[in-house]
Amino acid sequence: MIMRIGHGYDAHRLKDGRRCVLCGVTIPVDYGPDGHSDADVPAHALMDALLGALAMGDIGKLFPDSSADYKDADSIRLLETVYKRVLSAGYRLVNADITIIAQRPRLSPYIDKMRARISSALEAETDQISVKATTEEGMGFTGEGIGIAVHAVVLLERY
């Protein structure tokens, strides 16, 4: 069996008045990640991990922020598009592990919804998707509450 691993990273500044969408789940706060699309930071890192596992580039190449087509785009729909490419290449997800690094907002009440949303987009069971949230104890741009960063790792298998 052939397996491939991929790692993705993304970070966005938080901005007042933006919707906060993480893993396709809207978090009820009055600020959110700033970006060209809906700025769903975990979805972006996950897409880069999937693309990276198969050496297919990154989301900037596939969905350029210079294109009006992706202005305010739903990142879960983009994730589904990326996963179709993975399937077309003859691979499927074994598991994904996502770590959200943010001082704010508090995410523990939304983790199960996030796992369910990602598993649905990737045609997976929820036990194949891990979503964790951590802080950096007040250090750096995430710890100061001015941004969110995410690491995502995926394992794919050839089918």
N, C-alpha and C. Protein backbone atom coordinates (compact mmCIF):
# COMPACT_ATOMS: atom_id res chain seq x y z
N MET A 1 0.84 -1.18 0.00
CA MET A 1 0.00 0.00 0.00
C MET A 1 0.89 1.25 0.00
N ILE A 2 0.55 2.17 -0.88
CA ILE A 2 1.29 3.42 -0.97
C ILE A 2 0.58 4.47 -0.14
N MET A 3 1.35 5.15 0.73
CA MET A 3 0.78 6.20 1.59
C MET A 3 1.58 7.47 1.37
N ARG A 4 0.89 8.61 1.54
CA ARG A 4 1.52 9.92 1.40
C ARG A 4 1.09 10.77 2.58
N ILE A 5 2.03 11.57 3.09
CA ILE A 5 1.71 12.48 4.19
C ILE A 5 1.88 13.91 3.70
N GLY A 6 1.04 14.80 4.21
CA GLY A 6 1.13 16.21 3.84
C GLY A 6 0.96 17.10 5.05
N HIS A 7 1.64 18.23 5.03
CA HIS A 7 1.53 19.22 6.11
C HIS A 7 1.10 20.55 5.49
N GLY A 8 0.18 21.23 6.16
CA GLY A 8 -0.24 22.56 5.72
C GLY A 8 -0.20 23.54 6.88
N TYR A 9 0.06 24.78 6.56
CA TYR A 9 0.08 25.85 7.56
C TYR A 9 -0.59 27.07 6.96
N ASP A 10 -1.36 27.77 7.79
CA ASP A 10 -1.93 29.04 7.37
C ASP A 10 -2.08 29.93 8.59
N ALA A 11 -2.08 31.23 8.36
CA ALA A 11 -2.28 32.21 9.43
C ALA A 11 -2.99 33.41 8.85
N HIS A 12 -3.90 33.97 9.63
CA HIS A 12 -4.62 35.18 9.22
C HIS A 12 -4.73 36.13 10.40
N ARG A 13 -4.68 37.41 10.09
CA ARG A 13 -4.90 38.46 11.08
C ARG A 13 -6.39 38.48 11.43
N LEU A 14 -6.71 38.77 12.68
CA LEU A 14 -8.11 38.95 13.09
C LEU A 14 -8.51 40.40 12.84
N LYS A 15 -9.75 40.56 12.39
CA LYS A 15 -10.24 41.91 12.07
C LYS A 15 -11.65 42.09 12.62
N ASP A 16 -11.89 43.21 13.27
CA ASP A 16 -13.23 43.53 13.76
C ASP A 16 -14.20 43.59 12.59
N GLY A 17 -15.43 43.11 12.84
CA GLY A 17 -16.47 43.17 11.83
C GLY A 17 -16.47 42.05 10.81
N ARG A 18 -15.49 41.15 10.89
CA ARG A 18 -15.45 40.00 9.97
C ARG A 18 -16.15 38.81 10.63
N ARG A 19 -16.79 37.98 9.79
CA ARG A 19 -17.35 36.72 10.29
C ARG A 19 -16.20 35.80 10.68
N CYS A 20 -16.41 35.02 11.71
CA CYS A 20 -15.39 34.07 12.16
C CYS A 20 -15.86 32.66 11.78
N VAL A 21 -15.30 32.15 10.69
CA VAL A 21 -15.63 30.81 10.21
C VAL A 21 -14.38 29.96 10.33
N LEU A 22 -14.48 28.89 11.12
CA LEU A 22 -13.36 27.97 11.32
C LEU A 22 -13.86 26.55 11.10
N CYS A 23 -13.22 25.82 10.20
CA CYS A 23 -13.65 24.46 9.83
C CYS A 23 -15.10 24.46 9.37
N GLY A 24 -15.53 25.52 8.71
CA GLY A 24 -16.89 25.60 8.20
C GLY A 24 -17.94 25.93 9.24
N VAL A 25 -17.52 26.21 10.47
CA VAL A 25 -18.45 26.52 11.56
C VAL A 25 -18.33 28.00 11.91
N THR A 26 -19.46 28.70 11.95
CA THR A 26 -19.46 30.11 12.32
C THR A 26 -19.40 30.24 13.83
N ILE A 27 -18.39 30.95 14.31
CA ILE A 27 -18.20 31.19 15.74
C ILE A 27 -18.82 32.55 16.04
N PRO A 28 -19.74 32.64 17.02
CA PRO A 28 -20.46 33.89 17.26
C PRO A 28 -19.63 34.94 18.05
N VAL A 29 -18.75 35.60 17.32
CA VAL A 29 -17.96 36.71 17.87
C VAL A 29 -18.03 37.86 16.88
N ASP A 30 -17.59 39.05 17.29
CA ASP A 30 -17.70 40.21 16.41
C ASP A 30 -16.39 40.52 15.67
N TYR A 31 -15.56 39.52 15.49
CA TYR A 31 -14.31 39.64 14.75
C TYR A 31 -14.04 38.29 14.10
N GLY A 32 -13.19 38.30 13.09
CA GLY A 32 -12.84 37.05 12.44
C GLY A 32 -11.59 37.20 11.61
N PRO A 33 -11.12 36.08 11.06
CA PRO A 33 -9.93 36.13 10.23
C PRO A 33 -10.17 36.96 8.97
N ASP A 34 -9.19 37.77 8.62
CA ASP A 34 -9.28 38.63 7.45
C ASP A 34 -8.67 37.91 6.26
N GLY A 35 -9.32 38.02 5.11
CA GLY A 35 -8.78 37.39 3.91
C GLY A 35 -9.69 37.60 2.72
N HIS A 36 -9.24 37.13 1.57
CA HIS A 36 -9.97 37.30 0.31
C HIS A 36 -11.23 36.44 0.29
N SER A 37 -11.10 35.19 0.73
CA SER A 37 -12.25 34.29 0.81
C SER A 37 -12.92 34.49 2.17
N ASP A 38 -13.58 33.46 2.68
CA ASP A 38 -14.13 33.56 4.03
C ASP A 38 -13.05 33.46 5.09
N ALA A 39 -11.80 33.22 4.66
CA ALA A 39 -10.62 33.19 5.53
C ALA A 39 -10.70 32.09 6.60
N ASP A 40 -11.27 30.96 6.23
CA ASP A 40 -11.37 29.80 7.13
C ASP A 40 -9.97 29.18 7.25
N VAL A 41 -9.23 29.64 8.23
CA VAL A 41 -7.81 29.29 8.38
C VAL A 41 -7.59 27.77 8.45
N PRO A 42 -8.35 27.02 9.27
CA PRO A 42 -8.12 25.57 9.30
C PRO A 42 -8.40 24.89 7.96
N ALA A 43 -9.44 25.32 7.26
CA ALA A 43 -9.73 24.74 5.95
C ALA A 43 -8.59 25.01 4.97
N HIS A 44 -8.00 26.20 5.04
CA HIS A 44 -6.89 26.54 4.17
C HIS A 44 -5.67 25.68 4.46
N ALA A 45 -5.34 25.52 5.73
CA ALA A 45 -4.19 24.67 6.09
C ALA A 45 -4.44 23.23 5.67
N LEU A 46 -5.67 22.76 5.83
CA LEU A 46 -6.01 21.39 5.45
C LEU A 46 -5.90 21.20 3.95
N MET A 47 -6.37 22.17 3.16
CA MET A 47 -6.23 22.08 1.71
C MET A 47 -4.75 22.00 1.31
N ASP A 48 -3.92 22.83 1.93
CA ASP A 48 -2.50 22.79 1.61
C ASP A 48 -1.87 21.45 2.00
N ALA A 49 -2.32 20.86 3.10
CA ALA A 49 -1.81 19.55 3.49
C ALA A 49 -2.19 18.49 2.46
N LEU A 50 -3.44 18.51 1.99
CA LEU A 50 -3.90 17.54 0.99
C LEU A 50 -3.14 17.72 -0.32
N LEU A 51 -3.02 18.95 -0.77
CA LEU A 51 -2.29 19.22 -2.00
C LEU A 51 -0.81 18.87 -1.86
N GLY A 52 -0.23 19.20 -0.73
CA GLY A 52 1.18 18.92 -0.49
C GLY A 52 1.50 17.44 -0.47
N ALA A 53 0.58 16.64 0.08
CA ALA A 53 0.81 15.20 0.14
C ALA A 53 1.01 14.60 -1.25
N LEU A 54 0.38 15.20 -2.25
CA LEU A 54 0.46 14.68 -3.61
C LEU A 54 1.26 15.61 -4.54
N ALA A 55 2.00 16.55 -3.95
CA ALA A 55 2.85 17.48 -4.71
C ALA A 55 2.04 18.21 -5.79
N MET A 56 0.84 18.67 -5.41
CA MET A 56 -0.05 19.37 -6.34
C MET A 56 -0.04 20.88 -6.13
N GLY A 57 0.97 21.40 -5.47
CA GLY A 57 1.04 22.84 -5.25
C GLY A 57 0.34 23.26 -3.98
N ASP A 58 -0.26 24.45 -4.01
CA ASP A 58 -0.94 24.97 -2.82
C ASP A 58 -2.21 25.71 -3.23
N ILE A 59 -2.95 26.18 -2.24
CA ILE A 59 -4.23 26.81 -2.56
C ILE A 59 -4.07 28.15 -3.26
N GLY A 60 -2.95 28.82 -3.04
CA GLY A 60 -2.71 30.08 -3.75
C GLY A 60 -2.60 29.87 -5.25
N LYS A 61 -2.07 28.72 -5.65
CA LYS A 61 -1.97 28.37 -7.07
C LYS A 61 -3.33 27.98 -7.63
N LEU A 62 -4.08 27.22 -6.84
CA LEU A 62 -5.37 26.70 -7.29
C LEU A 62 -6.49 27.75 -7.22
N PHE A 63 -6.49 28.53 -6.14
CA PHE A 63 -7.53 29.54 -5.91
C PHE A 63 -6.88 30.90 -5.62
N PRO A 64 -6.31 31.55 -6.62
CA PRO A 64 -5.55 32.79 -6.37
C PRO A 64 -6.40 33.92 -5.79
N ASP A 65 -5.83 34.63 -4.82
CA ASP A 65 -6.57 35.73 -4.20
C ASP A 65 -6.64 36.95 -5.13
N SER A 66 -6.02 36.85 -6.28
CA SER A 66 -6.13 37.91 -7.29
C SER A 66 -7.38 37.73 -8.15
N SER A 67 -8.07 36.59 -7.97
CA SER A 67 -9.25 36.30 -8.77
C SER A 67 -10.53 36.68 -8.02
N ALA A 68 -11.39 37.44 -8.68
CA ALA A 68 -12.67 37.81 -8.09
C ALA A 68 -13.56 36.59 -7.87
N ASP A 69 -13.29 35.50 -8.57
CA ASP A 69 -14.08 34.27 -8.42
C ASP A 69 -14.05 33.74 -6.98
N TYR A 70 -12.99 34.05 -6.26
CA TYR A 70 -12.83 33.50 -4.91
C TYR A 70 -13.06 34.53 -3.81
N LYS A 71 -13.53 35.71 -4.18
CA LYS A 71 -13.85 36.74 -3.18
C LYS A 71 -14.98 36.23 -2.30
N ASP A 72 -14.75 36.18 -0.99
CA ASP A 72 -15.72 35.70 0.00
C ASP A 72 -16.15 34.24 -0.23
N ALA A 73 -15.32 33.47 -0.92
CA ALA A 73 -15.65 32.07 -1.22
C ALA A 73 -15.78 31.24 0.05
N ASP A 74 -16.67 30.26 0.00
CA ASP A 74 -16.86 29.30 1.07
C ASP A 74 -15.71 28.30 1.01
N SER A 75 -14.83 28.34 1.99
CA SER A 75 -13.64 27.49 1.98
C SER A 75 -13.96 26.00 2.07
N ILE A 76 -15.10 25.65 2.63
CA ILE A 76 -15.48 24.23 2.67
C ILE A 76 -15.76 23.75 1.25
N ARG A 77 -16.37 24.59 0.42
CA ARG A 77 -16.59 24.22 -0.99
C ARG A 77 -15.24 24.06 -1.71
N LEU A 78 -14.30 24.95 -1.40
CA LEU A 78 -12.97 24.83 -1.99
C LEU A 78 -12.29 23.55 -1.52
N LEU A 79 -12.47 23.21 -0.24
CA LEU A 79 -11.91 21.97 0.30
C LEU A 79 -12.49 20.76 -0.43
N GLU A 80 -13.77 20.78 -0.70
CA GLU A 80 -14.40 19.68 -1.45
C GLU A 80 -13.79 19.56 -2.84
N THR A 81 -13.51 20.69 -3.48
CA THR A 81 -12.88 20.68 -4.80
C THR A 81 -11.48 20.07 -4.73
N VAL A 82 -10.73 20.46 -3.71
CA VAL A 82 -9.38 19.89 -3.52
C VAL A 82 -9.48 18.38 -3.29
N TYR A 83 -10.43 17.95 -2.48
CA TYR A 83 -10.53 16.53 -2.20
C TYR A 83 -10.93 15.72 -3.44
N LYS A 84 -11.72 16.31 -4.32
CA LYS A 84 -12.03 15.63 -5.59
C LYS A 84 -10.76 15.40 -6.40
N ARG A 85 -9.83 16.34 -6.34
CA ARG A 85 -8.54 16.17 -7.02
C ARG A 85 -7.75 15.02 -6.40
N VAL A 86 -7.80 14.94 -5.07
CA VAL A 86 -7.12 13.84 -4.37
C VAL A 86 -7.70 12.50 -4.82
N LEU A 87 -9.02 12.41 -4.83
CA LEU A 87 -9.68 11.17 -5.25
C LEU A 87 -9.35 10.85 -6.71
N SER A 88 -9.34 11.86 -7.57
CA SER A 88 -9.03 11.66 -8.99
C SER A 88 -7.60 11.16 -9.19
N ALA A 89 -6.73 11.48 -8.27
CA ALA A 89 -5.34 11.02 -8.34
C ALA A 89 -5.19 9.60 -7.79
N GLY A 90 -6.30 9.02 -7.30
CA GLY A 90 -6.26 7.65 -6.82
C GLY A 90 -5.94 7.49 -5.34
N TYR A 91 -6.13 8.57 -4.59
CA TYR A 91 -5.87 8.54 -3.15
C TYR A 91 -7.13 8.86 -2.37
N ARG A 92 -7.16 8.45 -1.11
CA ARG A 92 -8.24 8.80 -0.20
C ARG A 92 -7.63 9.09 1.17
N LEU A 93 -8.39 9.80 1.97
CA LEU A 93 -7.94 10.20 3.30
C LEU A 93 -7.91 9.02 4.26
N VAL A 94 -6.82 8.88 4.99
CA VAL A 94 -6.75 7.95 6.12
C VAL A 94 -7.15 8.72 7.37
N ASN A 95 -6.47 9.86 7.61
CA ASN A 95 -6.84 10.73 8.73
C ASN A 95 -6.26 12.12 8.54
N ALA A 96 -6.84 13.07 9.28
CA ALA A 96 -6.36 14.45 9.30
C ALA A 96 -6.27 14.91 10.74
N ASP A 97 -5.24 15.68 11.02
CA ASP A 97 -5.02 16.22 12.36
C ASP A 97 -4.80 17.72 12.21
N ILE A 98 -5.69 18.51 12.81
CA ILE A 98 -5.68 19.97 12.68
C ILE A 98 -5.45 20.59 14.06
N THR A 99 -4.48 21.49 14.16
CA THR A 99 -4.24 22.22 15.40
C THR A 99 -4.43 23.71 15.14
N ILE A 100 -5.42 24.29 15.83
CA ILE A 100 -5.72 25.72 15.72
C ILE A 100 -5.03 26.42 16.88
N ILE A 101 -4.23 27.44 16.55
CA ILE A 101 -3.48 28.18 17.56
C ILE A 101 -4.07 29.58 17.64
N ALA A 102 -4.75 29.86 18.75
CA ALA A 102 -5.43 31.15 18.90
C ALA A 102 -5.66 31.45 20.37
N GLN A 103 -5.40 32.67 20.76
CA GLN A 103 -5.71 33.10 22.12
C GLN A 103 -7.21 33.33 22.27
N ARG A 104 -7.81 33.77 21.17
CA ARG A 104 -9.24 34.02 21.12
C ARG A 104 -9.75 33.69 19.74
N PRO A 105 -10.96 33.31 19.54
CA PRO A 105 -11.99 33.02 20.55
C PRO A 105 -11.78 31.65 21.18
N ARG A 106 -12.52 31.39 22.23
CA ARG A 106 -12.49 30.08 22.88
C ARG A 106 -13.22 29.09 21.97
N LEU A 107 -12.55 28.00 21.61
CA LEU A 107 -13.08 27.11 20.58
C LEU A 107 -13.59 25.76 21.07
N SER A 108 -13.31 25.39 22.30
CA SER A 108 -13.69 24.05 22.77
C SER A 108 -15.18 23.73 22.58
N PRO A 109 -16.11 24.68 22.72
CA PRO A 109 -17.52 24.33 22.51
C PRO A 109 -17.87 23.97 21.06
N TYR A 110 -16.97 24.26 20.10
CA TYR A 110 -17.27 24.08 18.69
C TYR A 110 -16.49 22.95 18.03
N ILE A 111 -15.62 22.30 18.77
CA ILE A 111 -14.73 21.28 18.20
C ILE A 111 -15.51 20.14 17.54
N ASP A 112 -16.52 19.61 18.21
CA ASP A 112 -17.28 18.49 17.63
C ASP A 112 -17.98 18.90 16.33
N LYS A 113 -18.52 20.12 16.28
CA LYS A 113 -19.15 20.60 15.04
C LYS A 113 -18.11 20.75 13.93
N MET A 114 -16.92 21.22 14.29
CA MET A 114 -15.84 21.38 13.32
C MET A 114 -15.44 20.02 12.75
N ARG A 115 -15.28 19.04 13.61
CA ARG A 115 -14.91 17.69 13.15
C ARG A 115 -15.97 17.14 12.20
N ALA A 116 -17.23 17.33 12.56
CA ALA A 116 -18.32 16.83 11.72
C ALA A 116 -18.34 17.53 10.37
N ARG A 117 -18.11 18.83 10.35
CA ARG A 117 -18.14 19.59 9.08
C ARG A 117 -17.00 19.17 8.16
N ILE A 118 -15.81 19.01 8.74
CA ILE A 118 -14.66 18.59 7.93
C ILE A 118 -14.84 17.15 7.45
N SER A 119 -15.32 16.27 8.32
CA SER A 119 -15.50 14.88 7.90
C SER A 119 -16.50 14.78 6.76
N SER A 120 -17.55 15.58 6.80
CA SER A 120 -18.53 15.59 5.72
C SER A 120 -17.90 16.05 4.40
N ALA A 121 -17.11 17.10 4.46
CA ALA A 121 -16.47 17.64 3.25
C ALA A 121 -15.48 16.64 2.65
N LEU A 122 -14.87 15.82 3.50
CA LEU A 122 -13.86 14.87 3.03
C LEU A 122 -14.38 13.44 2.91
N GLU A 123 -15.70 13.29 2.97
CA GLU A 123 -16.32 11.97 2.83
C GLU A 123 -15.69 10.97 3.79
N ALA A 124 -15.51 11.40 5.03
CA ALA A 124 -14.82 10.61 6.05
C ALA A 124 -15.69 10.45 7.28
N GLU A 125 -15.29 9.56 8.14
CA GLU A 125 -15.93 9.41 9.45
C GLU A 125 -15.32 10.44 10.39
N THR A 126 -16.07 10.84 11.41
CA THR A 126 -15.53 11.85 12.33
C THR A 126 -14.31 11.34 13.08
N ASP A 127 -14.20 10.02 13.27
CA ASP A 127 -13.02 9.52 13.99
C ASP A 127 -11.75 9.56 13.13
N GLN A 128 -11.87 9.99 11.88
CA GLN A 128 -10.71 10.20 11.02
C GLN A 128 -10.21 11.64 11.08
N ILE A 129 -10.97 12.50 11.76
CA ILE A 129 -10.67 13.93 11.80
C ILE A 129 -10.42 14.37 13.23
N SER A 130 -9.25 14.92 13.48
CA SER A 130 -8.92 15.49 14.78
C SER A 130 -8.81 17.00 14.64
N VAL A 131 -9.50 17.72 15.52
CA VAL A 131 -9.37 19.17 15.58
C VAL A 131 -9.06 19.52 17.03
N LYS A 132 -7.96 20.24 17.22
CA LYS A 132 -7.54 20.66 18.56
C LYS A 132 -7.32 22.16 18.55
N ALA A 133 -7.51 22.78 19.70
CA ALA A 133 -7.25 24.22 19.82
C ALA A 133 -6.31 24.43 21.00
N THR A 134 -5.38 25.34 20.82
CA THR A 134 -4.43 25.66 21.88
C THR A 134 -4.12 27.15 21.83
N THR A 135 -3.56 27.65 22.91
CA THR A 135 -3.11 29.04 22.95
C THR A 135 -1.58 29.03 23.00
N GLU A 136 -1.00 30.21 22.90
CA GLU A 136 0.45 30.32 23.06
C GLU A 136 0.79 31.16 24.29
N GLU A 137 -0.11 31.06 25.29
CA GLU A 137 0.15 31.69 26.59
C GLU A 137 0.58 33.16 26.47
N GLY A 138 -0.09 33.88 25.56
CA GLY A 138 0.16 35.31 25.43
C GLY A 138 1.37 35.68 24.60
N MET A 139 2.06 34.69 23.99
CA MET A 139 3.26 34.99 23.21
C MET A 139 2.94 35.07 21.72
N GLY A 140 3.62 35.96 21.01
CA GLY A 140 3.50 36.05 19.56
C GLY A 140 2.17 36.62 19.10
N PHE A 141 1.98 36.64 17.75
CA PHE A 141 0.78 37.26 17.21
C PHE A 141 -0.49 36.50 17.59
N THR A 142 -0.42 35.18 17.74
CA THR A 142 -1.61 34.45 18.16
C THR A 142 -1.87 34.68 19.64
N GLY A 143 -0.82 34.66 20.43
CA GLY A 143 -0.96 34.87 21.87
C GLY A 143 -1.43 36.26 22.23
N GLU A 144 -1.09 37.22 21.40
CA GLU A 144 -1.54 38.60 21.62
C GLU A 144 -2.97 38.81 21.15
N GLY A 145 -3.55 37.76 20.53
CA GLY A 145 -4.94 37.85 20.09
C GLY A 145 -5.16 38.62 18.81
N ILE A 146 -4.08 38.82 18.02
CA ILE A 146 -4.24 39.57 16.78
C ILE A 146 -4.33 38.66 15.55
N GLY A 147 -4.18 37.35 15.75
CA GLY A 147 -4.26 36.44 14.63
C GLY A 147 -4.52 35.01 15.05
N ILE A 148 -4.76 34.18 14.04
CA ILE A 148 -4.98 32.75 14.22
C ILE A 148 -4.03 32.04 13.28
N ALA A 149 -3.39 30.97 13.77
CA ALA A 149 -2.54 30.13 12.94
C ALA A 149 -3.03 28.69 13.05
N VAL A 150 -2.77 27.91 12.02
CA VAL A 150 -3.22 26.51 12.01
C VAL A 150 -2.18 25.64 11.33
N HIS A 151 -1.92 24.48 11.93
CA HIS A 151 -1.14 23.42 11.31
C HIS A 151 -2.09 22.27 11.02
N ALA A 152 -1.95 21.66 9.86
CA ALA A 152 -2.76 20.49 9.51
C ALA A 152 -1.85 19.43 8.90
N VAL A 153 -2.09 18.19 9.29
CA VAL A 153 -1.35 17.06 8.76
C VAL A 153 -2.36 16.04 8.27
N VAL A 154 -2.11 15.46 7.09
CA VAL A 154 -2.98 14.42 6.55
C VAL A 154 -2.15 13.21 6.17
N LEU A 155 -2.82 12.07 6.24
CA LEU A 155 -2.26 10.83 5.71
C LEU A 155 -3.23 10.33 4.64
N LEU A 156 -2.70 10.07 3.46
CA LEU A 156 -3.49 9.58 2.35
C LEU A 156 -3.00 8.19 1.96
N GLU A 157 -3.92 7.37 1.45
CA GLU A 157 -3.53 6.05 0.95
C GLU A 157 -4.01 5.90 -0.48
N ARG A 158 -3.22 5.18 -1.27
CA ARG A 158 -3.63 4.88 -2.65
C ARG A 158 -4.69 3.79 -2.59
N TYR A 159 -5.71 3.93 -3.40
CA TYR A 159 -6.74 2.90 -3.41
C TYR A 159 -6.84 2.24 -4.77
